[in-house]
Amino acid sequence: MTTRATARHLGLSSLAVLALILAGSACAPGADAPRTDLRFEISFPPEVSSEPLTGRMFLAIARDGESDPRLQVGRYGVPLYGVDVENLGPGTPVSIDADTLGWPIETLADVPPGDYYVQAVLNKYTRFERSDGHVVWMHNDQWEGQDWRRSPGNVVSVVQQLHLDPANGGTHRIQVTEIIPPIEPPADTERVKHIKMQSDILTEFWGVPMYIGATVLLPAGYDDNPGVSYPTVYQQGHFSLRNPFGYGGGNEFTEAWDSNDFPRMLAVTIQHPTPYFDDSYAVNSANNGPYGDAIHQELIPELERTFRAIPESWARVLTGGSTGGWESFALQVLYPDFYGGTWSFAPDPLDFRNVEGINIYEDENAFYKQHEWYRVPTANTRFEPTGEVRLTSQQRNTMELVHGTKGRSGQQLDIWSAVFGPVGDDGYFAPLFDKRNGEIDPRVAEYWRDHYDMRHILETNWKTLGPKLVGKLHVIAGDMDNFYLNVGAYHVQEFLEKTTDPYYGGSFTFGPRGGHGWRPYSNVELLRIMAGHIAKNAPSGTATSGWR
């Protein structure tokens, strides 16, 4: 909760003081919150670990017992409560009570009386001694995509059915006893291959073995034509071991890919989870480390050697949506000589004047917009096509804070801070804003702008970047993107459409009333467009008959 001293320090008016106090009270249970003696004491037995463990203990509460409560947790999911544990010994209980912040019900005192299914989970942290001199405790991804609900090695309790009534209180004791088993990697097939490799570059940065990988979809006729090399489309996005473009299962894409008249190319998805998120955003960053180097100096060279990919920029194209939309656009901009074009769908903020509703340069607070005499909550998520607000920025960030402190939530705004922001004094990222009161740090905002604001980078460096990007930038988004990501795309379009010497020569396509998943054409049509672009830009005299 914001104190009066803090408000004086910020130089706010008395009305602003009151508003911030009210905003802060919504983020954390405090002295004025409803009280209850309802509590949970959660521990693990020596059979789980004879040594103390560090991590975060979660409690999930659900009305529906058809699936484990932990699997019902999500942005719009069941109530979740969490507390950090440090060197917790076997048999020693940790308490979750009315003072524990929760989402979407922020205190146990407000849980409606009733019968519930409850489950506890211990998300285990690893000690990282990074090469930058910082020591941090974070969850080390186990090839599950930074998902504590399913991560191998995490410990869960047996689901219990309990009657909870905050008015009557009571203490419930739970032990986490079941260790989540390792994930079975998918097997290679004739058409789909998998690579997982230890990255020397990332291992040196993080101080423990770190892995990156890829799933490769081979074209029809690949084995029958050993002398043919192929162009590659890199599909960026969240961690997944599924096949590129959903290949398999008799869908339209599979039928086209296997047909005789479809362009022959390699389709690749890359796995690069980090201790902050299921995806590194594929760039070098102060907090995540040199993922850009690892991908471009270790992984892609290995892929090109193993699968007969054409190792030329004109033969490498990019695509992806949302997270993958930002990655595909940013990689084309930051590695303009390495890639030959991008088709970026609903990209994460390309211009930081709208980061899921927050203008990081002009807003003083991430939770509200201040107009001269009044303020309104900052919208974070909306329904399409109506635009009705589903979550505010404050609600979204409360959810993330419940999932993890120090940016360890594994959620969207935290990974943006990890990728785009500087390292803080404690070794975790320096936050763009305080998740409890929303106060924005303008120094961090400047760092974001100078390093990763795509519009700023393009505008500042167009004289050198422009000639390398002509015809390569294509952005597709819905005008009613659920996370307001179309706004950043508008800003980039506004700049690029005014470029001269050279003109950018790309395209922006917006779907009226289209949401986050809006697309004007299928993956089949997309790859045909990409194949035509590759053939058009192949050097004169290139033999293309083997893959056209």
Protein backbone atom coordinates (compact mmCIF):
# COMPACT_ATOMS: atom_id res chain seq x y z
CA MET A 1 0.00 0.00 0.00
CA THR A 2 1.31 3.46 -0.83
CA THR A 3 2.14 5.41 2.32
CA ARG A 4 1.71 9.15 2.83
CA ALA A 5 5.50 9.50 2.94
CA THR A 6 5.80 7.78 -0.43
CA ALA A 7 3.14 10.06 -1.88
CA ARG A 8 4.96 13.17 -0.61
CA HIS A 9 8.12 11.86 -2.22
CA LEU A 10 6.26 11.58 -5.53
CA GLY A 11 4.96 15.15 -5.17
CA LEU A 12 1.31 14.17 -5.62
CA SER A 13 -1.77 16.20 -4.78
CA SER A 14 -4.04 15.11 -1.95
CA LEU A 15 -6.48 13.64 -4.47
CA ALA A 16 -3.68 11.64 -6.05
CA VAL A 17 -2.60 10.45 -2.61
CA LEU A 18 -6.08 9.11 -1.93
CA ALA A 19 -6.27 7.42 -5.32
CA LEU A 20 -2.93 5.71 -4.90
CA ILE A 21 -3.83 4.53 -1.41
CA LEU A 22 -7.02 3.00 -2.76
CA ALA A 23 -5.11 1.46 -5.67
CA GLY A 24 -2.52 0.00 -3.35
CA SER A 25 -5.14 -1.50 -1.07
CA ALA A 26 -6.48 -3.48 -4.01
CA CYS A 27 -3.08 -5.10 -4.54
CA ALA A 28 -2.37 -6.57 -1.15
CA PRO A 29 -4.41 -7.60 1.90
CA GLY A 30 -3.67 -5.22 4.76
CA ALA A 31 -4.87 -4.10 8.17
CA ASP A 32 -8.20 -2.83 6.80
CA ALA A 33 -8.92 -5.99 4.80
CA PRO A 34 -11.50 -8.51 6.07
CA ARG A 35 -9.93 -10.81 8.63
CA THR A 36 -10.21 -14.56 9.07
CA ASP A 37 -8.42 -17.29 10.96
CA LEU A 38 -8.64 -19.55 7.90
CA ARG A 39 -5.15 -20.76 7.05
CA PHE A 40 -3.23 -23.53 5.33
CA GLU A 41 0.01 -24.99 6.61
CA ILE A 42 1.92 -26.69 3.80
CA SER A 43 5.08 -28.79 4.08
CA PHE A 44 6.99 -31.53 2.30
CA PRO A 45 8.17 -34.83 3.86
CA PRO A 46 11.80 -36.06 3.98
CA GLU A 47 10.94 -38.56 1.23
CA VAL A 48 10.61 -35.62 -1.18
CA SER A 49 13.90 -34.05 -0.11
CA SER A 50 16.16 -34.49 2.89
CA GLU A 51 17.69 -31.09 2.10
CA PRO A 52 16.06 -27.66 2.43
CA LEU A 53 14.34 -26.33 -0.70
CA THR A 54 13.92 -22.82 -2.07
CA GLY A 55 11.06 -21.79 -4.34
CA ARG A 56 7.46 -20.67 -4.20
CA MET A 57 4.61 -22.55 -2.57
CA PHE A 58 1.22 -22.29 -4.25
CA LEU A 59 -2.30 -23.14 -3.16
CA ALA A 60 -5.04 -23.50 -5.78
CA ILE A 61 -8.75 -23.61 -4.87
CA ALA A 62 -11.35 -24.88 -7.36
CA ARG A 63 -15.05 -25.71 -7.37
CA ASP A 64 -14.60 -28.27 -10.15
CA GLY A 65 -12.82 -31.52 -9.31
CA GLU A 66 -12.71 -32.97 -12.82
CA SER A 67 -9.09 -31.83 -13.23
CA ASP A 68 -6.42 -30.95 -10.69
CA PRO A 69 -6.93 -27.44 -9.28
CA ARG A 70 -3.38 -26.46 -10.30
CA LEU A 71 -4.28 -27.15 -13.93
CA GLN A 72 -7.24 -24.76 -13.66
CA VAL A 73 -4.98 -21.82 -12.72
CA GLY A 74 -4.62 -19.14 -15.37
CA ARG A 75 -5.17 -15.52 -16.30
CA TYR A 76 -8.91 -16.02 -15.84
CA GLY A 77 -8.64 -19.18 -13.74
CA VAL A 78 -9.37 -20.35 -10.22
CA PRO A 79 -8.13 -18.63 -7.01
CA LEU A 80 -4.40 -18.96 -6.44
CA TYR A 81 -2.22 -17.94 -3.48
CA GLY A 82 1.57 -18.04 -3.29
CA VAL A 83 4.43 -17.40 -0.89
CA ASP A 84 8.20 -17.52 -1.34
CA VAL A 85 10.10 -20.14 0.65
CA GLU A 86 13.83 -20.05 1.31
CA ASN A 87 15.77 -23.00 2.70
CA LEU A 88 12.53 -24.66 3.77
CA GLY A 89 13.36 -27.86 5.60
CA PRO A 90 11.39 -31.12 5.40
CA GLY A 91 8.43 -31.12 7.75
CA THR A 92 8.57 -27.35 8.30
CA PRO A 93 5.23 -25.78 7.37
CA VAL A 94 4.78 -22.57 5.41
CA SER A 95 1.56 -20.64 6.03
CA ILE A 96 -0.94 -19.27 3.54
CA ASP A 97 -3.46 -17.10 5.36
CA ALA A 98 -5.47 -13.89 5.15
CA ASP A 99 -2.29 -11.85 4.67
CA THR A 100 -1.25 -13.84 1.58
CA LEU A 101 -1.91 -12.07 -1.71
CA GLY A 102 -4.11 -14.03 -4.10
CA TRP A 103 -5.69 -13.79 -7.54
CA PRO A 104 -8.48 -13.30 -8.54
CA ILE A 105 -9.73 -13.35 -4.92
CA GLU A 106 -7.05 -11.35 -3.18
CA THR A 107 -7.49 -12.66 0.35
CA LEU A 108 -8.74 -15.92 1.86
CA ALA A 109 -11.15 -13.82 3.90
CA ASP A 110 -13.19 -13.20 0.73
CA VAL A 111 -13.48 -16.83 -0.38
CA PRO A 112 -17.23 -17.59 -0.41
CA PRO A 113 -18.24 -20.37 2.02
CA GLY A 114 -18.55 -23.71 0.27
CA ASP A 115 -17.05 -27.04 -0.68
CA TYR A 116 -13.84 -26.85 -2.69
CA TYR A 117 -11.05 -28.93 -4.17
CA VAL A 118 -7.64 -27.70 -3.04
CA GLN A 119 -4.10 -28.54 -4.11
CA ALA A 120 -0.66 -27.26 -3.16
CA VAL A 121 2.39 -27.07 -5.43
CA LEU A 122 6.02 -26.34 -4.62
CA ASN A 123 7.71 -24.64 -7.56
CA LYS A 124 11.40 -25.36 -6.98
CA TYR A 125 14.05 -22.75 -7.69
CA THR A 126 17.64 -23.28 -8.80
CA ARG A 127 20.64 -21.22 -7.69
CA PHE A 128 22.22 -19.51 -10.70
CA GLU A 129 25.69 -17.99 -10.39
CA ARG A 130 25.68 -15.82 -13.49
CA SER A 131 28.73 -14.62 -15.33
CA ASP A 132 27.73 -11.00 -14.64
CA GLY A 133 28.52 -11.62 -10.96
CA HIS A 134 24.91 -11.87 -9.74
CA VAL A 135 23.45 -14.84 -7.89
CA VAL A 136 19.72 -15.39 -8.40
CA TRP A 137 17.20 -18.07 -7.45
CA MET A 138 14.76 -18.92 -10.23
CA HIS A 139 12.87 -21.83 -11.72
CA ASN A 140 15.06 -23.74 -14.16
CA ASP A 141 12.93 -24.83 -17.08
CA GLN A 142 12.72 -28.60 -17.52
CA TRP A 143 11.62 -28.48 -21.18
CA GLU A 144 8.03 -27.84 -20.13
CA GLY A 145 7.97 -24.20 -21.20
CA GLN A 146 8.37 -22.43 -17.82
CA ASP A 147 5.05 -23.74 -16.47
CA TRP A 148 5.20 -24.46 -12.74
CA ARG A 149 1.92 -26.37 -12.92
CA ARG A 150 3.54 -29.10 -15.04
CA SER A 151 7.28 -28.74 -14.53
CA PRO A 152 9.18 -31.99 -13.87
CA GLY A 153 10.68 -32.00 -10.38
CA ASN A 154 8.04 -29.76 -8.87
CA VAL A 155 6.10 -31.30 -6.00
CA VAL A 156 2.30 -31.42 -5.74
CA SER A 157 -0.15 -32.53 -3.11
CA VAL A 158 -2.96 -35.00 -3.46
CA VAL A 159 -6.18 -33.13 -4.26
CA GLN A 160 -8.37 -32.72 -1.17
CA GLN A 161 -12.01 -31.78 -0.92
CA LEU A 162 -12.59 -29.35 1.94
CA HIS A 163 -15.37 -27.16 3.27
CA LEU A 164 -14.04 -23.63 3.62
CA ASP A 165 -15.76 -20.86 5.54
CA PRO A 166 -13.71 -17.76 6.40
CA ALA A 167 -16.19 -16.87 9.16
CA ASN A 168 -15.39 -20.12 10.97
CA GLY A 169 -11.65 -20.08 10.20
CA GLY A 170 -9.68 -23.24 10.84
CA THR A 171 -6.25 -24.58 9.94
CA HIS A 172 -5.80 -27.12 7.14
CA ARG A 173 -2.53 -29.03 6.94
CA ILE A 174 -1.32 -30.25 3.53
CA GLN A 175 1.80 -32.04 2.40
CA VAL A 176 3.21 -31.91 -1.12
CA THR A 177 4.31 -35.48 -1.79
CA GLU A 178 4.11 -36.24 -5.53
CA ILE A 179 7.06 -35.29 -7.75
CA ILE A 180 6.08 -34.44 -11.33
CA PRO A 181 7.91 -36.90 -13.63
CA PRO A 182 10.13 -35.93 -16.60
CA ILE A 183 8.49 -35.05 -19.89
CA GLU A 184 8.71 -37.72 -22.56
CA PRO A 185 10.27 -36.07 -25.63
CA PRO A 186 8.44 -36.61 -28.92
CA ALA A 187 9.95 -39.20 -31.21
CA ASP A 188 11.33 -38.36 -34.62
CA THR A 189 9.32 -39.42 -37.64
CA GLU A 190 10.15 -39.62 -41.34
CA ARG A 191 9.04 -36.02 -41.80
CA VAL A 192 9.57 -34.39 -38.36
CA LYS A 193 12.95 -34.21 -36.58
CA HIS A 194 13.97 -32.81 -33.19
CA ILE A 195 17.18 -31.28 -31.91
CA LYS A 196 18.05 -30.41 -28.32
CA MET A 197 21.55 -29.16 -27.59
CA GLN A 198 23.41 -27.66 -24.68
CA SER A 199 24.38 -24.09 -25.45
CA ASP A 200 27.92 -23.25 -24.38
CA ILE A 201 27.13 -19.55 -24.69
CA LEU A 202 24.10 -19.68 -22.38
CA THR A 203 25.67 -22.17 -19.99
CA GLU A 204 28.56 -19.76 -19.45
CA PHE A 205 26.13 -16.90 -18.73
CA TRP A 206 23.81 -18.75 -16.34
CA GLY A 207 26.39 -20.98 -14.65
CA VAL A 208 24.38 -24.20 -15.12
CA PRO A 209 23.73 -26.32 -18.23
CA MET A 210 21.27 -24.48 -20.50
CA TYR A 211 19.55 -25.96 -23.54
CA ILE A 212 18.06 -24.78 -26.80
CA GLY A 213 16.44 -26.84 -29.53
CA ALA A 214 14.32 -27.01 -32.65
CA THR A 215 11.59 -29.00 -34.35
CA VAL A 216 12.20 -29.39 -38.07
CA LEU A 217 9.56 -30.26 -40.66
CA LEU A 218 11.09 -31.76 -43.80
CA PRO A 219 9.51 -31.28 -47.23
CA ALA A 220 8.11 -34.04 -49.38
CA GLY A 221 10.86 -35.69 -51.39
CA TYR A 222 13.61 -34.70 -48.95
CA ASP A 223 15.09 -38.20 -48.64
CA ASP A 224 14.74 -38.92 -52.35
CA ASN A 225 16.75 -35.85 -53.36
CA PRO A 226 19.95 -35.83 -51.26
CA GLY A 227 21.60 -33.29 -53.57
CA VAL A 228 18.97 -30.60 -53.04
CA SER A 229 19.30 -27.83 -50.43
CA TYR A 230 16.24 -25.91 -49.28
CA PRO A 231 15.19 -22.45 -48.07
CA THR A 232 13.95 -22.26 -44.47
CA VAL A 233 10.99 -20.59 -42.80
CA TYR A 234 11.48 -19.97 -39.09
CA GLN A 235 8.18 -19.93 -37.21
CA GLN A 236 8.69 -18.05 -33.94
CA GLY A 237 6.48 -18.29 -30.87
CA HIS A 238 5.96 -19.63 -27.38
CA PHE A 239 7.70 -22.83 -26.31
CA SER A 240 6.17 -25.83 -27.98
CA LEU A 241 7.25 -29.29 -29.06
CA ARG A 242 4.37 -29.47 -31.53
CA ASN A 243 5.09 -29.71 -35.22
CA PRO A 244 5.61 -26.48 -37.21
CA PHE A 245 2.38 -25.01 -38.59
CA GLY A 246 0.36 -27.82 -36.97
CA TYR A 247 1.59 -30.44 -39.41
CA GLY A 248 -0.03 -33.85 -38.92
CA GLY A 249 -3.51 -35.08 -38.24
CA GLY A 250 -5.01 -34.73 -41.67
CA ASN A 251 -5.58 -30.95 -41.63
CA GLU A 252 -5.47 -28.61 -44.61
CA PHE A 253 -1.84 -27.67 -44.05
CA THR A 254 -0.70 -31.29 -43.84
CA GLU A 255 -2.50 -32.16 -47.04
CA ALA A 256 -0.92 -29.21 -48.85
CA TRP A 257 2.58 -29.80 -47.46
CA ASP A 258 2.55 -33.43 -48.59
CA SER A 259 1.13 -32.68 -52.02
CA ASN A 260 3.11 -32.63 -55.25
CA ASP A 261 2.48 -28.97 -56.09
CA PHE A 262 3.43 -27.29 -52.79
CA PRO A 263 6.71 -25.34 -52.42
CA ARG A 264 9.54 -27.40 -50.95
CA MET A 265 11.22 -25.81 -47.92
CA LEU A 266 12.21 -26.53 -44.35
CA ALA A 267 9.88 -25.30 -41.60
CA VAL A 268 11.48 -24.82 -38.18
CA THR A 269 10.28 -23.87 -34.71
CA ILE A 270 12.89 -23.04 -32.08
CA GLN A 271 12.77 -23.91 -28.38
CA HIS A 272 14.57 -21.39 -26.17
CA PRO A 273 12.98 -21.20 -22.70
CA THR A 274 14.63 -19.09 -20.00
CA PRO A 275 14.39 -18.90 -16.20
CA TYR A 276 12.04 -15.94 -16.77
CA PHE A 277 9.67 -17.29 -19.40
CA ASP A 278 8.90 -20.05 -21.87
CA ASP A 279 10.63 -18.03 -24.58
CA SER A 280 13.69 -15.75 -24.62
CA TYR A 281 12.39 -13.43 -27.36
CA ALA A 282 15.40 -14.67 -29.36
CA VAL A 283 17.57 -11.61 -28.68
CA ASN A 284 20.53 -10.79 -26.46
CA SER A 285 19.41 -9.13 -23.24
CA ALA A 286 20.98 -8.11 -19.95
CA ASN A 287 18.72 -10.35 -17.85
CA ASN A 288 18.14 -13.38 -20.06
CA GLY A 289 21.62 -13.47 -21.47
CA PRO A 290 22.93 -13.89 -25.04
CA TYR A 291 20.08 -15.89 -26.57
CA GLY A 292 20.49 -14.09 -29.87
CA ASP A 293 24.09 -15.26 -30.04
CA ALA A 294 23.17 -18.80 -29.02
CA ILE A 295 20.49 -19.09 -31.69
CA HIS A 296 22.50 -17.54 -34.51
CA GLN A 297 25.97 -18.85 -33.67
CA GLU A 298 25.14 -22.32 -32.32
CA LEU A 299 21.65 -23.55 -33.20
CA ILE A 300 20.99 -22.28 -36.72
CA PRO A 301 24.44 -23.29 -38.03
CA GLU A 302 23.80 -26.78 -36.64
CA LEU A 303 20.39 -26.91 -38.30
CA GLU A 304 21.77 -25.76 -41.63
CA ARG A 305 24.55 -28.36 -41.55
CA THR A 306 22.23 -31.19 -40.53
CA PHE A 307 19.24 -30.55 -42.78
CA ARG A 308 20.69 -29.15 -46.00
CA ALA A 309 19.36 -25.65 -45.51
CA ILE A 310 20.58 -22.94 -47.86
CA PRO A 311 22.84 -20.80 -45.60
CA GLU A 312 22.00 -17.49 -47.24
CA SER A 313 19.90 -14.56 -46.05
CA TRP A 314 17.56 -14.59 -49.06
CA ALA A 315 16.67 -18.23 -48.20
CA ARG A 316 15.80 -17.55 -44.53
CA VAL A 317 12.37 -16.04 -43.81
CA LEU A 318 10.50 -15.46 -40.57
CA THR A 319 6.96 -15.57 -39.25
CA GLY A 320 5.13 -15.85 -35.96
CA GLY A 321 2.25 -14.45 -33.95
CA SER A 322 2.08 -12.44 -30.73
CA THR A 323 5.38 -13.19 -28.96
CA GLY A 324 6.50 -14.78 -32.22
CA GLY A 325 5.23 -11.73 -34.07
CA TRP A 326 7.58 -9.46 -32.12
CA GLU A 327 10.46 -11.92 -32.46
CA SER A 328 10.06 -12.32 -36.21
CA PHE A 329 9.92 -8.54 -36.69
CA ALA A 330 12.75 -7.77 -34.26
CA LEU A 331 15.05 -10.42 -35.70
CA GLN A 332 14.58 -9.02 -39.19
CA VAL A 333 15.41 -5.53 -37.89
CA LEU A 334 18.29 -6.49 -35.59
CA TYR A 335 19.76 -9.08 -37.99
CA PRO A 336 18.98 -7.40 -41.33
CA ASP A 337 21.75 -9.21 -43.20
CA PHE A 338 20.80 -12.65 -41.86
CA TYR A 339 17.12 -12.89 -42.84
CA GLY A 340 15.32 -12.23 -46.09
CA GLY A 341 11.84 -11.21 -44.93
CA THR A 342 9.26 -11.45 -42.17
CA TRP A 343 5.47 -11.86 -41.93
CA SER A 344 4.70 -10.84 -38.34
CA PHE A 345 1.21 -11.45 -36.97
CA ALA A 346 -0.20 -9.48 -34.02
CA PRO A 347 3.31 -8.63 -32.78
CA ASP A 348 3.92 -7.71 -29.17
CA PRO A 349 4.54 -3.97 -28.72
CA LEU A 350 6.67 -2.69 -31.58
CA ASP A 351 6.39 0.82 -30.12
CA PHE A 352 6.38 1.26 -26.36
CA ARG A 353 3.81 4.05 -26.40
CA ASN A 354 1.36 1.22 -25.87
CA VAL A 355 2.51 -1.77 -23.82
CA GLU A 356 -0.80 -3.54 -23.19
CA GLY A 357 -2.32 -0.11 -22.59
CA ILE A 358 0.65 1.56 -20.85
CA ASN A 359 2.46 4.47 -22.49
CA ILE A 360 5.82 3.98 -20.81
CA TYR A 361 7.07 7.41 -21.89
CA GLU A 362 4.13 9.62 -20.92
CA ASP A 363 2.21 7.76 -18.20
CA GLU A 364 3.47 8.35 -14.67
CA ASN A 365 1.66 5.29 -13.39
CA ALA A 366 1.06 1.94 -15.09
CA PHE A 367 -2.33 1.43 -13.44
CA TYR A 368 -4.22 4.55 -14.54
CA LYS A 369 -4.38 7.33 -17.09
CA GLN A 370 -4.24 10.78 -15.51
CA HIS A 371 -6.29 13.45 -17.24
CA GLU A 372 -6.28 16.98 -15.87
CA TRP A 373 -9.07 16.57 -13.31
CA TYR A 374 -9.66 12.84 -13.25
CA ARG A 375 -8.06 9.50 -13.78
CA VAL A 376 -9.24 6.21 -15.24
CA PRO A 377 -7.88 2.69 -14.83
CA THR A 378 -5.57 1.57 -17.64
CA ALA A 379 -7.18 -1.20 -19.65
CA ASN A 380 -5.00 -4.24 -20.25
CA THR A 381 -7.22 -6.74 -22.08
CA ARG A 382 -10.44 -6.36 -24.04
CA PHE A 383 -13.00 -8.51 -25.77
CA GLU A 384 -13.33 -8.33 -29.51
CA PRO A 385 -15.28 -7.17 -31.42
CA THR A 386 -16.98 -4.97 -28.79
CA GLY A 387 -13.89 -3.59 -27.03
CA GLU A 388 -15.32 -4.33 -23.58
CA VAL A 389 -12.51 -4.29 -21.00
CA ARG A 390 -11.77 -7.70 -19.49
CA LEU A 391 -8.77 -6.88 -17.28
CA THR A 392 -7.20 -3.67 -16.06
CA SER A 393 -3.45 -3.22 -15.89
CA GLN A 394 -3.57 -3.36 -12.10
CA GLN A 395 -5.49 -6.65 -12.14
CA ARG A 396 -3.11 -8.17 -14.67
CA ASN A 397 -0.09 -7.22 -12.58
CA THR A 398 -1.64 -8.48 -9.36
CA MET A 399 -2.05 -11.84 -11.08
CA GLU A 400 1.61 -11.81 -12.07
CA LEU A 401 2.73 -10.86 -8.56
CA VAL A 402 0.84 -13.84 -7.14
CA HIS A 403 2.67 -16.11 -9.58
CA GLY A 404 6.07 -14.85 -8.52
CA THR A 405 8.04 -12.02 -6.92
CA LYS A 406 11.18 -10.44 -8.41
CA GLY A 407 9.80 -10.99 -11.90
CA ARG A 408 9.64 -14.78 -11.49
CA SER A 409 5.99 -15.12 -12.49
CA GLY A 410 6.70 -16.58 -15.91
CA GLN A 411 4.10 -14.15 -17.23
CA GLN A 412 3.94 -11.60 -20.02
CA LEU A 413 4.77 -8.23 -18.45
CA ASP A 414 7.58 -9.77 -16.42
CA ILE A 415 9.27 -11.24 -19.47
CA TRP A 416 9.07 -7.91 -21.26
CA SER A 417 10.89 -6.34 -18.32
CA ALA A 418 13.44 -9.15 -18.38
CA VAL A 419 14.07 -8.80 -22.12
CA PHE A 420 13.75 -5.04 -22.57
CA GLY A 421 15.05 -3.76 -19.23
CA PRO A 422 18.37 -3.44 -17.36
CA VAL A 423 19.60 -5.60 -14.49
CA GLY A 424 18.65 -4.38 -11.02
CA ASP A 425 20.95 -4.13 -8.02
CA ASP A 426 19.73 -7.49 -6.70
CA GLY A 427 20.49 -9.31 -9.97
CA TYR A 428 16.87 -9.60 -11.07
CA PHE A 429 15.54 -7.18 -13.67
CA ALA A 430 15.03 -3.54 -12.79
CA PRO A 431 11.24 -3.23 -13.07
CA LEU A 432 9.64 -0.71 -15.38
CA PHE A 433 7.08 -0.05 -12.65
CA ASP A 434 6.20 -1.14 -9.14
CA LYS A 435 3.65 -3.96 -9.31
CA ARG A 436 1.98 -2.83 -6.08
CA ASN A 437 1.44 0.86 -6.76
CA GLY A 438 2.13 1.19 -10.50
CA GLU A 439 4.78 3.93 -10.26
CA ILE A 440 6.83 3.99 -13.51
CA ASP A 441 10.60 4.42 -13.44
CA PRO A 442 11.45 6.79 -16.34
CA ARG A 443 15.11 5.69 -16.35
CA VAL A 444 14.05 2.12 -17.09
CA ALA A 445 11.64 3.41 -19.75
CA GLU A 446 14.57 5.11 -21.49
CA TYR A 447 16.52 1.84 -21.46
CA TRP A 448 13.57 0.03 -23.05
CA ARG A 449 13.36 2.71 -25.77
CA ASP A 450 17.05 2.76 -26.63
CA HIS A 451 17.47 -1.03 -26.81
CA TYR A 452 14.20 -2.61 -28.00
CA ASP A 453 11.61 -0.08 -29.17
CA MET A 454 11.41 -1.15 -32.81
CA ARG A 455 9.96 2.12 -34.07
CA HIS A 456 12.68 4.08 -32.27
CA ILE A 457 15.42 1.81 -33.62
CA LEU A 458 14.11 2.04 -37.19
CA GLU A 459 13.67 5.79 -37.04
CA THR A 460 17.07 6.39 -35.46
CA ASN A 461 18.97 4.08 -37.80
CA TRP A 462 17.01 4.23 -41.05
CA LYS A 463 19.94 5.57 -43.06
CA THR A 464 21.86 2.33 -42.49
CA LEU A 465 18.98 -0.09 -41.84
CA GLY A 466 16.66 1.03 -44.60
CA PRO A 467 18.62 -0.30 -47.59
CA LYS A 468 18.81 -3.71 -45.91
CA LEU A 469 15.08 -3.93 -45.14
CA VAL A 470 13.39 -2.90 -48.37
CA GLY A 471 10.53 -5.28 -49.10
CA LYS A 472 11.19 -7.39 -46.02
CA LEU A 473 8.76 -6.06 -43.37
CA HIS A 474 5.16 -7.32 -43.40
CA VAL A 475 2.86 -6.86 -40.38
CA ILE A 476 -0.63 -8.32 -39.98
CA ALA A 477 -2.95 -7.52 -37.04
CA GLY A 478 -6.57 -7.09 -36.04
CA ASP A 479 -7.85 -3.59 -35.37
CA MET A 480 -9.42 -4.86 -32.14
CA ASP A 481 -6.40 -6.79 -30.87
CA ASN A 482 -7.29 -8.09 -27.41
CA PHE A 483 -4.08 -6.68 -25.91
CA TYR A 484 -4.00 -3.38 -27.86
CA LEU A 485 -0.99 -4.59 -29.84
CA ASN A 486 -2.36 -3.03 -33.03
CA VAL A 487 -1.51 0.40 -31.59
CA GLY A 488 2.23 -0.25 -31.67
CA ALA A 489 1.88 -1.53 -35.22
CA TYR A 490 0.10 1.72 -36.19
CA HIS A 491 3.04 3.76 -34.88
CA VAL A 492 5.57 1.72 -36.85
CA GLN A 493 3.44 1.91 -39.98
CA GLU A 494 3.19 5.68 -39.58
CA PHE A 495 6.97 5.97 -39.65
CA LEU A 496 7.66 3.41 -42.37
CA GLU A 497 5.07 4.81 -44.77
CA LYS A 498 6.93 8.14 -44.66
CA THR A 499 10.36 6.68 -45.37
CA THR A 500 12.34 7.78 -48.36
CA ASP A 501 15.79 6.98 -49.70
CA PRO A 502 14.77 4.19 -49.51
CA TYR A 503 11.04 3.63 -49.13
CA TYR A 504 10.53 0.52 -46.98
CA GLY A 505 8.46 -1.31 -49.61
CA GLY A 506 6.75 -3.70 -47.17
CA SER A 507 3.12 -3.97 -46.06
CA PHE A 508 0.74 -3.56 -43.14
CA THR A 509 -2.59 -5.38 -43.14
CA PHE A 510 -5.23 -4.68 -40.48
CA GLY A 511 -8.47 -6.58 -39.97
CA PRO A 512 -11.54 -4.52 -39.10
CA ARG A 513 -12.79 -5.59 -35.63
CA GLY A 514 -10.26 -8.44 -35.72
CA GLY A 515 -8.91 -9.80 -32.44
CA HIS A 516 -5.53 -11.17 -31.44
CA GLY A 517 -5.82 -14.22 -33.68
CA TRP A 518 -7.07 -12.44 -36.80
CA ARG A 519 -5.50 -13.60 -40.08
CA PRO A 520 -6.38 -12.70 -43.65
CA TYR A 521 -5.09 -16.00 -45.05
CA SER A 522 -4.22 -19.54 -44.02
CA ASN A 523 -0.78 -21.01 -43.37
CA VAL A 524 -0.99 -22.70 -46.76
CA GLU A 525 -1.41 -19.34 -48.46
CA LEU A 526 1.25 -17.77 -46.23
CA LEU A 527 3.91 -20.28 -47.24
CA ARG A 528 3.05 -19.86 -50.89
CA ILE A 529 3.55 -16.10 -50.48
CA MET A 530 6.87 -16.71 -48.73
CA ALA A 531 8.04 -19.13 -51.42
CA GLY A 532 7.30 -16.55 -54.09
CA HIS A 533 9.24 -13.92 -52.14
CA ILE A 534 12.23 -16.27 -51.78
CA ALA A 535 12.27 -17.13 -55.47
CA LYS A 536 12.01 -13.46 -56.43
CA ASN A 537 15.01 -12.56 -54.28
CA ALA A 538 17.21 -15.55 -55.10
CA PRO A 539 20.44 -14.51 -56.84
CA SER A 540 20.40 -14.65 -60.61
CA GLY A 541 21.29 -18.10 -61.84
CA THR A 542 20.22 -19.92 -58.66
CA ALA A 543 18.86 -23.38 -59.42
CA THR A 544 15.38 -23.37 -57.85
CA SER A 545 13.74 -26.33 -59.57
CA GLY A 546 14.46 -28.67 -56.65
CA TRP A 547 12.39 -26.67 -54.17
CA ARG A 548 9.88 -24.70 -56.24
